[in-house]
């Protein structure tokens, strides 16, 4: 049996989709498993022993080239773990013998935003597993998994050595986010980083891409000793860095899921979105900090401006609260 698994984007969602690969392989050890994703996320699948291959596609390429490659594979089954018009086109034209789509609960989440009522929604991994269950696959507490390679781990060791890292804890902070309302204020991350260094002797590593550099600059002003890797990591290096960390502190964004996928404990800060949407960090020992407000949730993916004008979902979360949670988790790890 040849099985294709489709999840084109985004990084956090692609990482979460890795949770189905081990159960699928264990249920069908002789099947061929190929993942279909965008080219920028191929690094998620490096060293994944449960996969036979990856079909990658760049949006600079004609969409028909992806359709042709999928069709050429002659899949027996396609698992659509994205369920968008684009992936519906892929499955419809694939020639696959069987197509299984996961249930997004998109309407329920939209109603939650409109009515400001919490959902009783399943985690997205559980919904992925319901789809994979159509192939007779069952698993208890499946988790996402990413496997950094030796070269990337060596890069992390050299990075820490160059910055004088000793035996102190290493803490990653990820102050970025695709939408402004999903970003805990940089000034709070800055004070948090400063306290982690001064009170716990921690080595603080700042994660992000080019779009997060303004926040990074503000944090460096308050905590100049932070190791800044913004714009310097690909998925492999980011995964290796998070694996080396004792703790990751992040907004509701991809580093939350990548950290959990390498087994590093996470403190996730949620603002306009809520855990009931089904995207909380997976695994034991992770903590979500959020506020129960009349206006939450206000959007599915965050916005560029607080609809109420007060931004209390983030402003009401103090740096000291996050510090206390981080200190406790680090103590439990020691």
Protein backbone atom coordinates (compact mmCIF):
# COMPACT_ATOMS: atom_id res chain seq x y z
CA UNK A 1 0.00 0.00 0.00
CA UNK A 2 1.26 3.47 -0.91
CA UNK A 3 0.02 6.32 1.27
CA UNK A 4 0.40 10.05 0.68
CA UNK A 5 -0.02 12.49 3.56
CA UNK A 6 -0.78 16.08 2.61
CA UNK A 7 -0.17 19.13 4.79
CA UNK A 8 1.16 22.06 2.76
CA UNK A 9 1.54 24.68 5.51
CA UNK A 10 2.16 26.35 7.93
CA UNK A 11 5.25 25.34 9.91
CA UNK A 12 3.50 24.62 13.22
CA UNK A 13 0.72 22.68 11.50
CA UNK A 14 3.20 20.64 9.46
CA UNK A 15 5.09 19.78 12.65
CA UNK A 16 1.85 18.68 14.31
CA UNK A 17 1.05 16.48 11.31
CA UNK A 18 4.19 14.41 11.98
CA UNK A 19 2.26 12.88 14.88
CA UNK A 20 0.49 10.46 12.54
CA UNK A 21 3.60 9.02 10.88
CA UNK A 22 4.82 6.65 13.59
CA UNK A 23 1.33 5.17 14.27
CA UNK A 24 0.78 4.76 10.53
CA UNK A 25 4.12 2.98 10.11
CA UNK A 26 3.52 0.72 13.12
CA UNK A 27 0.06 -0.27 11.88
CA UNK A 28 1.30 -0.87 8.32
CA UNK A 29 5.04 -1.65 8.50
CA UNK A 30 5.31 -2.54 4.81
CA UNK A 31 3.49 0.45 3.38
CA UNK A 32 5.22 3.28 1.52
CA UNK A 33 4.59 6.67 3.12
CA UNK A 34 5.22 9.94 1.28
CA UNK A 35 4.55 13.41 2.71
CA UNK A 36 3.40 16.29 0.48
CA UNK A 37 4.28 19.79 1.69
CA UNK A 38 5.70 23.15 0.66
CA UNK A 39 9.43 23.26 -0.01
CA UNK A 40 10.18 25.56 2.94
CA UNK A 41 9.00 22.88 5.37
CA UNK A 42 10.99 19.91 4.05
CA UNK A 43 13.41 20.31 6.97
CA UNK A 44 10.70 19.08 9.33
CA UNK A 45 11.13 15.58 7.88
CA UNK A 46 14.91 15.23 7.96
CA UNK A 47 15.95 11.92 9.57
CA UNK A 48 12.33 10.78 9.96
CA UNK A 49 12.59 6.99 9.87
CA UNK A 50 8.85 6.55 9.36
CA UNK A 51 8.81 8.21 5.93
CA UNK A 52 9.87 6.89 2.55
CA UNK A 53 9.97 10.28 0.89
CA UNK A 54 8.73 13.86 0.58
CA UNK A 55 7.13 15.66 -2.36
CA UNK A 56 7.88 19.35 -1.98
CA UNK A 57 6.38 22.26 -3.88
CA UNK A 58 7.29 25.92 -4.06
CA UNK A 59 4.61 28.51 -4.82
CA UNK A 60 7.01 29.86 -7.45
CA UNK A 61 6.28 26.68 -9.43
CA UNK A 62 3.09 26.11 -11.42
CA UNK A 63 0.51 24.30 -9.32
CA UNK A 64 0.06 21.81 -12.14
CA UNK A 65 3.61 20.58 -11.56
CA UNK A 66 2.64 19.48 -8.07
CA UNK A 67 -0.50 17.82 -9.40
CA UNK A 68 1.60 15.92 -11.94
CA UNK A 69 4.07 14.70 -9.33
CA UNK A 70 1.32 13.53 -7.00
CA UNK A 71 -0.50 11.78 -9.80
CA UNK A 72 2.72 10.07 -10.93
CA UNK A 73 3.07 8.44 -7.50
CA UNK A 74 -0.12 6.40 -8.06
CA UNK A 75 -1.12 6.51 -4.43
CA UNK A 76 -3.48 3.90 -3.07
CA UNK A 77 -4.55 6.32 -0.31
CA UNK A 78 -4.24 10.06 0.15
CA UNK A 79 -4.67 11.51 3.65
CA UNK A 80 -5.60 15.17 3.37
CA UNK A 81 -4.58 16.75 6.68
CA UNK A 82 -5.06 20.27 5.36
CA UNK A 83 -8.50 20.19 3.76
CA UNK A 84 -8.43 23.42 1.74
CA UNK A 85 -9.65 24.10 -1.81
CA UNK A 86 -6.07 23.63 -3.00
CA UNK A 87 -5.63 20.24 -1.33
CA UNK A 88 -9.11 19.21 -2.48
CA UNK A 89 -7.90 19.86 -6.03
CA UNK A 90 -4.85 17.69 -5.42
CA UNK A 91 -6.89 14.78 -4.11
CA UNK A 92 -9.58 15.09 -6.79
CA UNK A 93 -7.03 14.93 -9.60
CA UNK A 94 -4.61 12.50 -7.96
CA UNK A 95 -6.08 9.25 -9.23
CA UNK A 96 -5.72 7.83 -5.70
CA UNK A 97 -7.82 4.80 -4.93
CA UNK A 98 -9.03 6.31 -1.64
CA UNK A 99 -9.09 9.81 -0.17
CA UNK A 100 -9.50 10.54 3.55
CA UNK A 101 -9.83 14.11 4.85
CA UNK A 102 -9.56 15.33 8.40
CA UNK A 103 -12.34 17.40 9.95
CA UNK A 104 -11.13 20.94 10.54
CA UNK A 105 -13.85 22.12 12.95
CA UNK A 106 -13.46 25.44 11.13
CA UNK A 107 -17.11 26.48 11.49
CA UNK A 108 -17.16 25.64 15.20
CA UNK A 109 -14.07 27.79 15.78
CA UNK A 110 -15.61 30.67 13.81
CA UNK A 111 -18.76 30.44 15.92
CA UNK A 112 -16.59 30.50 19.03
CA UNK A 113 -15.08 33.80 17.87
CA UNK A 114 -18.50 35.30 17.13
CA UNK A 115 -20.21 34.09 20.31
CA UNK A 116 -17.19 34.34 22.64
CA UNK A 117 -17.93 30.88 23.94
CA UNK A 118 -15.38 28.18 24.55
CA UNK A 119 -15.45 25.11 22.38
CA UNK A 120 -15.28 21.55 23.50
CA UNK A 121 -13.03 20.90 20.55
CA UNK A 122 -10.50 18.13 20.12
CA UNK A 123 -6.84 18.84 19.70
CA UNK A 124 -5.87 18.97 16.03
CA UNK A 125 -3.69 15.87 16.55
CA UNK A 126 -6.74 13.93 17.68
CA UNK A 127 -8.53 15.07 14.53
CA UNK A 128 -5.57 14.01 12.41
CA UNK A 129 -5.65 10.62 14.09
CA UNK A 130 -9.37 10.25 13.40
CA UNK A 131 -8.54 10.60 9.71
CA UNK A 132 -5.68 8.10 9.93
CA UNK A 133 -8.05 5.83 11.81
CA UNK A 134 -9.75 5.25 8.47
CA UNK A 135 -6.78 2.99 7.72
CA UNK A 136 -7.21 1.02 10.93
CA UNK A 137 -4.54 3.03 12.77
CA UNK A 138 -4.84 3.51 16.52
CA UNK A 139 -2.41 5.16 18.91
CA UNK A 140 -2.42 6.29 22.52
CA UNK A 141 -1.26 9.88 23.00
CA UNK A 142 0.50 10.35 19.64
CA UNK A 143 2.99 13.20 19.62
CA UNK A 144 4.71 15.22 16.90
CA UNK A 145 8.38 14.41 16.40
CA UNK A 146 11.27 16.16 14.67
CA UNK A 147 14.79 14.71 14.52
CA UNK A 148 17.67 17.23 14.27
CA UNK A 149 20.85 15.91 12.66
CA UNK A 150 24.41 15.92 13.99
CA UNK A 151 25.61 18.86 11.90
CA UNK A 152 22.89 21.09 13.32
CA UNK A 153 23.55 19.88 16.87
CA UNK A 154 27.25 20.63 16.38
CA UNK A 155 26.31 24.13 15.17
CA UNK A 156 24.36 24.70 18.39
CA UNK A 157 27.26 23.48 20.55
CA UNK A 158 29.63 25.86 18.78
CA UNK A 159 27.16 28.75 19.09
CA UNK A 160 26.85 28.27 22.85
CA UNK A 161 30.60 27.84 23.30
CA UNK A 162 31.31 31.04 21.37
CA UNK A 163 28.99 32.91 23.74
CA UNK A 164 30.62 31.51 26.87
CA UNK A 165 27.86 29.13 27.90
CA UNK A 166 28.69 27.18 31.04
CA UNK A 167 26.56 24.73 32.98
CA UNK A 168 23.63 27.09 33.44
CA UNK A 169 20.16 26.42 31.97
CA UNK A 170 19.50 27.42 28.37
CA UNK A 171 16.17 29.12 27.72
CA UNK A 172 14.79 30.01 24.29
CA UNK A 173 12.48 32.98 23.87
CA UNK A 174 10.43 33.47 20.70
CA UNK A 175 8.87 36.96 20.73
CA UNK A 176 7.54 36.84 17.17
CA UNK A 177 4.23 35.97 15.59
CA UNK A 178 2.60 36.36 12.20
CA UNK A 179 -0.05 38.76 13.54
CA UNK A 180 0.64 41.65 15.91
CA UNK A 181 -2.03 40.68 18.43
CA UNK A 182 -0.39 37.28 18.93
CA UNK A 183 2.81 38.95 20.17
CA UNK A 184 3.33 39.45 23.88
CA UNK A 185 4.95 42.92 24.15
CA UNK A 186 8.68 42.88 23.48
CA UNK A 187 9.32 45.01 26.57
CA UNK A 188 7.90 42.18 28.69
CA UNK A 189 10.05 39.59 26.93
CA UNK A 190 13.02 41.90 27.57
CA UNK A 191 12.38 42.14 31.31
CA UNK A 192 11.75 38.39 31.47
CA UNK A 193 15.04 37.65 29.70
CA UNK A 194 16.91 40.01 32.02
CA UNK A 195 15.50 38.31 35.11
CA UNK A 196 16.24 34.82 33.77
CA UNK A 197 19.87 35.86 33.33
CA UNK A 198 20.30 37.78 36.60
CA UNK A 199 18.27 35.56 38.93
CA UNK A 200 18.74 32.08 37.46
CA UNK A 201 22.04 32.49 35.64
CA UNK A 202 20.34 31.30 32.47
CA UNK A 203 21.70 31.56 28.95
CA UNK A 204 18.87 33.12 26.92
CA UNK A 205 18.65 32.45 23.19
CA UNK A 206 16.34 34.58 21.06
CA UNK A 207 14.55 32.88 18.16
CA UNK A 208 12.79 34.38 15.16
CA UNK A 209 13.05 35.41 11.54
CA UNK A 210 13.73 38.72 9.81
CA UNK A 211 10.22 39.94 10.60
CA UNK A 212 10.88 39.70 14.34
CA UNK A 213 14.04 41.81 14.43
CA UNK A 214 12.36 44.95 15.80
CA UNK A 215 11.29 42.97 18.86
CA UNK A 216 14.77 41.49 19.04
CA UNK A 217 16.37 44.93 19.03
CA UNK A 218 14.17 46.06 21.93
CA UNK A 219 15.06 42.95 23.92
CA UNK A 220 18.80 43.40 23.34
CA UNK A 221 18.64 46.95 24.71
CA UNK A 222 17.46 45.62 28.08
CA UNK A 223 19.31 42.29 28.00
CA UNK A 224 22.44 42.74 25.86
CA UNK A 225 23.77 39.30 26.82
CA UNK A 226 21.00 37.45 24.98
CA UNK A 227 22.18 35.21 22.12
CA UNK A 228 20.44 36.51 19.02
CA UNK A 229 19.74 33.88 16.32
CA UNK A 230 16.99 35.80 14.54
CA UNK A 231 17.21 35.26 10.80
CA UNK A 232 20.13 32.84 11.23
CA UNK A 233 18.37 29.49 11.53
CA UNK A 234 16.65 27.12 9.16
CA UNK A 235 14.27 24.45 10.44
CA UNK A 236 17.10 22.01 11.16
CA UNK A 237 19.11 24.49 13.22
CA UNK A 238 16.00 25.75 14.99
CA UNK A 239 15.01 22.21 15.96
CA UNK A 240 18.53 21.43 17.17
CA UNK A 241 18.64 24.65 19.18
CA UNK A 242 15.31 23.91 20.84
CA UNK A 243 16.45 20.36 21.61
CA UNK A 244 19.48 21.78 23.43
CA UNK A 245 17.32 24.19 25.46
CA UNK A 246 15.96 23.37 28.89
CA UNK A 247 12.85 25.47 28.26
CA UNK A 248 11.21 27.47 25.48
CA UNK A 249 8.98 30.51 26.05
CA UNK A 250 6.95 31.53 23.02
CA UNK A 251 3.87 33.25 21.72
CA UNK A 252 1.24 31.06 20.04
CA UNK A 253 3.42 30.33 17.01
CA UNK A 254 5.50 27.61 15.36
CA UNK A 255 8.31 27.42 17.98
CA UNK A 256 5.74 26.13 20.49
CA UNK A 257 5.14 23.02 18.40
CA UNK A 258 8.73 22.58 17.24
CA UNK A 259 9.95 22.69 20.85
CA UNK A 260 7.36 20.11 21.90
CA UNK A 261 8.32 17.95 18.92
CA UNK A 262 11.93 17.70 20.14
CA UNK A 263 10.83 17.08 23.74
CA UNK A 264 11.59 20.51 25.24
CA UNK A 265 9.13 21.93 27.76
CA UNK A 266 7.20 24.99 26.63
CA UNK A 267 5.58 28.02 28.21
CA UNK A 268 3.14 29.31 25.59
CA UNK A 269 1.54 32.75 25.82
CA UNK A 270 -1.91 32.91 24.22
CA UNK A 271 -3.69 36.20 23.51
CA UNK A 272 -6.44 36.48 20.88
CA UNK A 273 -6.52 32.72 20.32
CA UNK A 274 -7.50 30.09 22.87
CA UNK A 275 -6.36 26.57 23.67
CA UNK A 276 -9.84 25.28 22.85
CA UNK A 277 -9.08 25.83 19.16
CA UNK A 278 -6.97 22.67 19.45
CA UNK A 279 -3.44 24.00 19.02
CA UNK A 280 -2.04 23.93 22.55
CA UNK A 281 1.49 22.51 22.94
CA UNK A 282 1.50 18.72 23.13
CA UNK A 283 3.09 16.57 25.77
CA UNK A 284 3.40 16.64 29.55
CA UNK A 285 4.95 19.50 31.48
CA UNK A 286 3.94 22.28 29.09
CA UNK A 287 2.08 25.36 30.32
CA UNK A 288 -0.22 27.82 28.55
CA UNK A 289 -0.61 31.28 30.09
CA UNK A 290 -3.75 33.16 29.06
CA UNK A 291 -6.49 35.42 30.40
CA UNK A 292 -10.19 34.67 30.64
CA UNK A 293 -11.68 37.82 29.10
CA UNK A 294 -15.06 38.75 27.68
CA UNK A 295 -13.50 39.46 24.28
CA UNK A 296 -11.61 36.19 23.79
CA UNK A 297 -11.29 34.61 21.34
CA UNK A 298 -11.38 37.56 18.96
CA UNK A 299 -9.98 35.82 15.87
CA UNK A 300 -8.84 32.47 14.53
CA UNK A 301 -5.25 33.47 13.76
CA UNK A 302 -4.74 36.89 15.35
CA UNK A 303 -5.08 40.31 13.76
CA UNK A 304 -2.92 43.40 13.30
CA UNK A 305 -4.91 45.45 15.81
CA UNK A 306 -6.89 44.67 18.96
CA UNK A 307 -10.61 44.93 18.04
CA UNK A 308 -11.39 46.38 21.49
CA UNK A 309 -8.45 48.77 21.55
CA UNK A 310 -7.07 47.65 24.93
CA UNK A 311 -5.01 44.52 24.13
CA UNK A 312 -5.67 43.20 27.64
CA UNK A 313 -5.22 39.58 26.60
CA UNK A 314 -1.48 40.30 26.41
CA UNK A 315 -1.07 43.44 28.52
CA UNK A 316 -2.61 41.74 31.57
CA UNK A 317 0.03 39.00 31.53
CA UNK A 318 3.00 40.23 33.54
CA UNK A 319 6.61 39.29 32.99
CA UNK A 320 6.79 38.17 36.63
CA UNK A 321 4.00 35.63 36.10
CA UNK A 322 5.81 34.09 33.16
CA UNK A 323 9.08 34.18 35.10
CA UNK A 324 7.55 32.29 38.04
CA UNK A 325 6.23 29.55 35.73
CA UNK A 326 9.57 29.32 33.93
CA UNK A 327 11.53 29.14 37.18
CA UNK A 328 9.31 26.35 38.46
CA UNK A 329 9.68 24.31 35.28
CA UNK A 330 13.45 24.78 35.27
CA UNK A 331 13.62 23.68 38.90
CA UNK A 332 11.59 20.58 38.07
CA UNK A 333 14.05 19.81 35.26
CA UNK A 334 17.12 20.11 37.47
